[in-house]
Amino acid sequence: QVHLVESGGGLVQSGGSLRLSCATSGFAFSSYAMIWYRQAPGKERELVCTIRSCKDSVKGRFTASRDNAKNTAYLQMNSLRPDDTGVYYCSAAWGTARYWGQGTQVTVSS
């Protein structure tokens, strides 16, 4: 059974940092692209980062990484801003296969 479990979210002040983790099981993790998304209140879900690149608004502040030995993906988020607030999801993708985690809430206060 496939599992993706995000953790590390929470409430942080503007300028702070958080590190999200996505622990996975039940599929060949090393074969899958790991992608981070977020959904802000009242907005559609958007892609934030892949291992190779991040959306412009978070470039230089967010970094995606992975540890294949631990079947875990990470999203390091620095210099957080209030507009980074949302539910953050990790997703595993390979060909037509796509798995999602349940999300973790990140709230950045001003």
C-alpha atoms as a PDB file:
ATOM      1  CA  GLN A   1       0.000   0.000   0.000  1.00  0.00           C
ATOM      2  CA  VAL A   2       1.288   3.416  -0.966  1.00  0.00           C
ATOM      3  CA  HIS A   3       1.819   6.005   1.723  1.00  0.00           C
ATOM      4  CA  LEU A   4       3.108   9.558   1.555  1.00  0.00           C
ATOM      5  CA  VAL A   5       3.124  11.399   4.857  1.00  0.00           C
ATOM      6  CA  GLU A   6       4.129  15.037   5.099  1.00  0.00           C
ATOM      7  CA  SER A   7       5.360  16.552   8.338  1.00  0.00           C
ATOM      8  CA  GLY A   8       7.153  19.633   9.558  1.00  0.00           C
ATOM      9  CA  GLY A   9       4.503  22.248   8.951  1.00  0.00           C
ATOM     10  CA  GLY A  10       3.387  24.729  11.539  1.00  0.00           C
ATOM     11  CA  LEU A  11       3.124  28.376  12.479  1.00  0.00           C
ATOM     12  CA  VAL A  12       6.182  30.541  11.887  1.00  0.00           C
ATOM     13  CA  GLN A  13       6.877  34.256  11.830  1.00  0.00           C
ATOM     14  CA  SER A  14       7.730  36.055   8.643  1.00  0.00           C
ATOM     15  CA  GLY A  15      11.407  35.534   7.868  1.00  0.00           C
ATOM     16  CA  GLY A  16      11.515  32.182   9.597  1.00  0.00           C
ATOM     17  CA  SER A  17      12.287  28.735   8.267  1.00  0.00           C
ATOM     18  CA  LEU A  18      10.647  25.340   8.134  1.00  0.00           C
ATOM     19  CA  ARG A  19      11.724  22.010   6.763  1.00  0.00           C
ATOM     20  CA  LEU A  20       9.000  19.770   5.423  1.00  0.00           C
ATOM     21  CA  SER A  21       9.489  16.032   5.120  1.00  0.00           C
ATOM     22  CA  CYS A  22       7.597  13.543   2.998  1.00  0.00           C
ATOM     23  CA  ALA A  23       8.088  10.000   4.229  1.00  0.00           C
ATOM     24  CA  THR A  24       7.008   7.388   1.705  1.00  0.00           C
ATOM     25  CA  SER A  25       6.452   3.669   1.423  1.00  0.00           C
ATOM     26  CA  GLY A  26       4.838   1.148  -0.880  1.00  0.00           C
ATOM     27  CA  PHE A  27       6.421   2.136  -4.183  1.00  0.00           C
ATOM     28  CA  ALA A  28       9.851   2.369  -5.829  1.00  0.00           C
ATOM     29  CA  PHE A  29      10.735   5.779  -4.433  1.00  0.00           C
ATOM     30  CA  SER A  30      14.002   6.210  -6.324  1.00  0.00           C
ATOM     31  CA  SER A  31      12.205   5.815  -9.665  1.00  0.00           C
ATOM     32  CA  TYR A  32       9.699   8.564  -8.986  1.00  0.00           C
ATOM     33  CA  ALA A  33       9.983  12.304  -9.359  1.00  0.00           C
ATOM     34  CA  MET A  34       9.067  14.001  -6.102  1.00  0.00           C
ATOM     35  CA  ILE A  35       7.201  17.248  -6.479  1.00  0.00           C
ATOM     36  CA  TRP A  36       6.005  19.748  -3.907  1.00  0.00           C
ATOM     37  CA  TYR A  37       2.727  21.635  -4.297  1.00  0.00           C
ATOM     38  CA  ARG A  38       0.832  24.053  -2.147  1.00  0.00           C
ATOM     39  CA  GLN A  39      -2.697  25.346  -1.932  1.00  0.00           C
ATOM     40  CA  ALA A  40      -3.357  28.726  -0.424  1.00  0.00           C
ATOM     41  CA  PRO A  41      -6.783  29.559   1.018  1.00  0.00           C
ATOM     42  CA  GLY A  42      -9.234  30.222  -1.780  1.00  0.00           C
ATOM     43  CA  LYS A  43      -6.714  29.387  -4.496  1.00  0.00           C
ATOM     44  CA  GLU A  44      -5.923  26.441  -6.700  1.00  0.00           C
ATOM     45  CA  ARG A  45      -3.137  24.020  -5.925  1.00  0.00           C
ATOM     46  CA  GLU A  46       0.148  25.123  -7.509  1.00  0.00           C
ATOM     47  CA  LEU A  47       3.489  23.491  -8.126  1.00  0.00           C
ATOM     48  CA  VAL A  48       6.167  24.881  -5.816  1.00  0.00           C
ATOM     49  CA  CYS A  49       9.331  22.896  -6.409  1.00  0.00           C
ATOM     50  CA  THR A  50      10.772  19.888  -8.081  1.00  0.00           C
ATOM     51  CA  ILE A  51      14.246  18.671  -7.357  1.00  0.00           C
ATOM     52  CA  ARG A  52      15.474  20.660 -10.368  1.00  0.00           C
ATOM     53  CA  SER A  53      13.654  23.953  -9.992  1.00  0.00           C
ATOM     54  CA  CYS A  54      11.156  26.028  -8.055  1.00  0.00           C
ATOM     55  CA  LYS A  55       8.545  28.554  -9.034  1.00  0.00           C
ATOM     56  CA  ASP A  56       9.859  32.081  -9.389  1.00  0.00           C
ATOM     57  CA  SER A  57       8.309  33.437  -6.201  1.00  0.00           C
ATOM     58  CA  VAL A  58      10.219  30.954  -4.016  1.00  0.00           C
ATOM     59  CA  LYS A  59      13.475  30.690  -5.946  1.00  0.00           C
ATOM     60  CA  GLY A  60      16.435  31.351  -3.704  1.00  0.00           C
ATOM     61  CA  ARG A  61      14.313  30.690  -0.608  1.00  0.00           C
ATOM     62  CA  PHE A  62      13.057  27.106  -1.061  1.00  0.00           C
ATOM     63  CA  THR A  63      15.069  24.008  -1.883  1.00  0.00           C
ATOM     64  CA  ALA A  64      13.735  20.536  -2.633  1.00  0.00           C
ATOM     65  CA  SER A  65      15.852  17.471  -1.933  1.00  0.00           C
ATOM     66  CA  ARG A  66      15.505  13.747  -1.450  1.00  0.00           C
ATOM     67  CA  ASP A  67      17.150  10.868   0.342  1.00  0.00           C
ATOM     68  CA  ASN A  68      16.590   7.675  -1.615  1.00  0.00           C
ATOM     69  CA  ALA A  69      18.028   5.556   1.198  1.00  0.00           C
ATOM     70  CA  LYS A  70      15.273   6.849   3.493  1.00  0.00           C
ATOM     71  CA  ASN A  71      12.514   7.029   0.858  1.00  0.00           C
ATOM     72  CA  THR A  72      11.979  10.593   1.968  1.00  0.00           C
ATOM     73  CA  ALA A  73      11.703  13.936   0.207  1.00  0.00           C
ATOM     74  CA  TYR A  74      12.310  17.307   1.812  1.00  0.00           C
ATOM     75  CA  LEU A  75      11.420  20.930   1.222  1.00  0.00           C
ATOM     76  CA  GLN A  76      13.618  23.461   2.995  1.00  0.00           C
ATOM     77  CA  MET A  77      11.841  26.789   3.222  1.00  0.00           C
ATOM     78  CA  ASN A  78      13.737  29.888   4.309  1.00  0.00           C
ATOM     79  CA  SER A  79      12.812  33.567   4.513  1.00  0.00           C
ATOM     80  CA  LEU A  80       9.158  32.620   4.713  1.00  0.00           C
ATOM     81  CA  ARG A  81       6.559  35.255   3.880  1.00  0.00           C
ATOM     82  CA  PRO A  82       2.848  35.458   4.690  1.00  0.00           C
ATOM     83  CA  ASP A  83       1.988  34.644   1.078  1.00  0.00           C
ATOM     84  CA  ASP A  84       3.719  31.279   1.530  1.00  0.00           C
ATOM     85  CA  THR A  85       0.835  30.259   3.796  1.00  0.00           C
ATOM     86  CA  GLY A  86      -1.057  27.198   2.645  1.00  0.00           C
ATOM     87  CA  VAL A  87      -1.304  23.448   2.734  1.00  0.00           C
ATOM     88  CA  TYR A  88       1.810  21.844   1.318  1.00  0.00           C
ATOM     89  CA  TYR A  89       1.599  18.503  -0.444  1.00  0.00           C
ATOM     90  CA  CYS A  90       4.220  16.126  -1.733  1.00  0.00           C
ATOM     91  CA  SER A  91       3.512  14.085  -4.818  1.00  0.00           C
ATOM     92  CA  ALA A  92       5.302  11.156  -6.426  1.00  0.00           C
ATOM     93  CA  ALA A  93       5.153  10.906 -10.202  1.00  0.00           C
ATOM     94  CA  TRP A  94       6.353   8.315 -12.702  1.00  0.00           C
ATOM     95  CA  GLY A  95       4.804   8.007 -16.125  1.00  0.00           C
ATOM     96  CA  THR A  96       1.051   8.003 -15.578  1.00  0.00           C
ATOM     97  CA  ALA A  97       1.343   6.982 -11.930  1.00  0.00           C
ATOM     98  CA  ARG A  98       0.772   9.748  -9.384  1.00  0.00           C
ATOM     99  CA  TYR A  99       0.525   9.547  -5.619  1.00  0.00           C
ATOM    100  CA  TRP A 100      -0.274  12.294  -3.124  1.00  0.00           C
ATOM    101  CA  GLY A 101       0.231  12.924   0.546  1.00  0.00           C
ATOM    102  CA  GLN A 102      -2.438  14.341   2.823  1.00  0.00           C
ATOM    103  CA  GLY A 103      -0.741  17.709   3.174  1.00  0.00           C
ATOM    104  CA  THR A 104       0.726  19.718   6.007  1.00  0.00           C
ATOM    105  CA  GLN A 105      -0.354  23.221   6.989  1.00  0.00           C
ATOM    106  CA  VAL A 106       2.167  26.050   6.863  1.00  0.00           C
ATOM    107  CA  THR A 107       1.102  29.369   8.325  1.00  0.00           C
ATOM    108  CA  VAL A 108       3.382  32.395   8.159  1.00  0.00           C
ATOM    109  CA  SER A 109       2.438  35.332  10.361  1.00  0.00           C
ATOM    110  CA  SER A 110       3.429  38.888   9.593  1.00  0.00           C
END
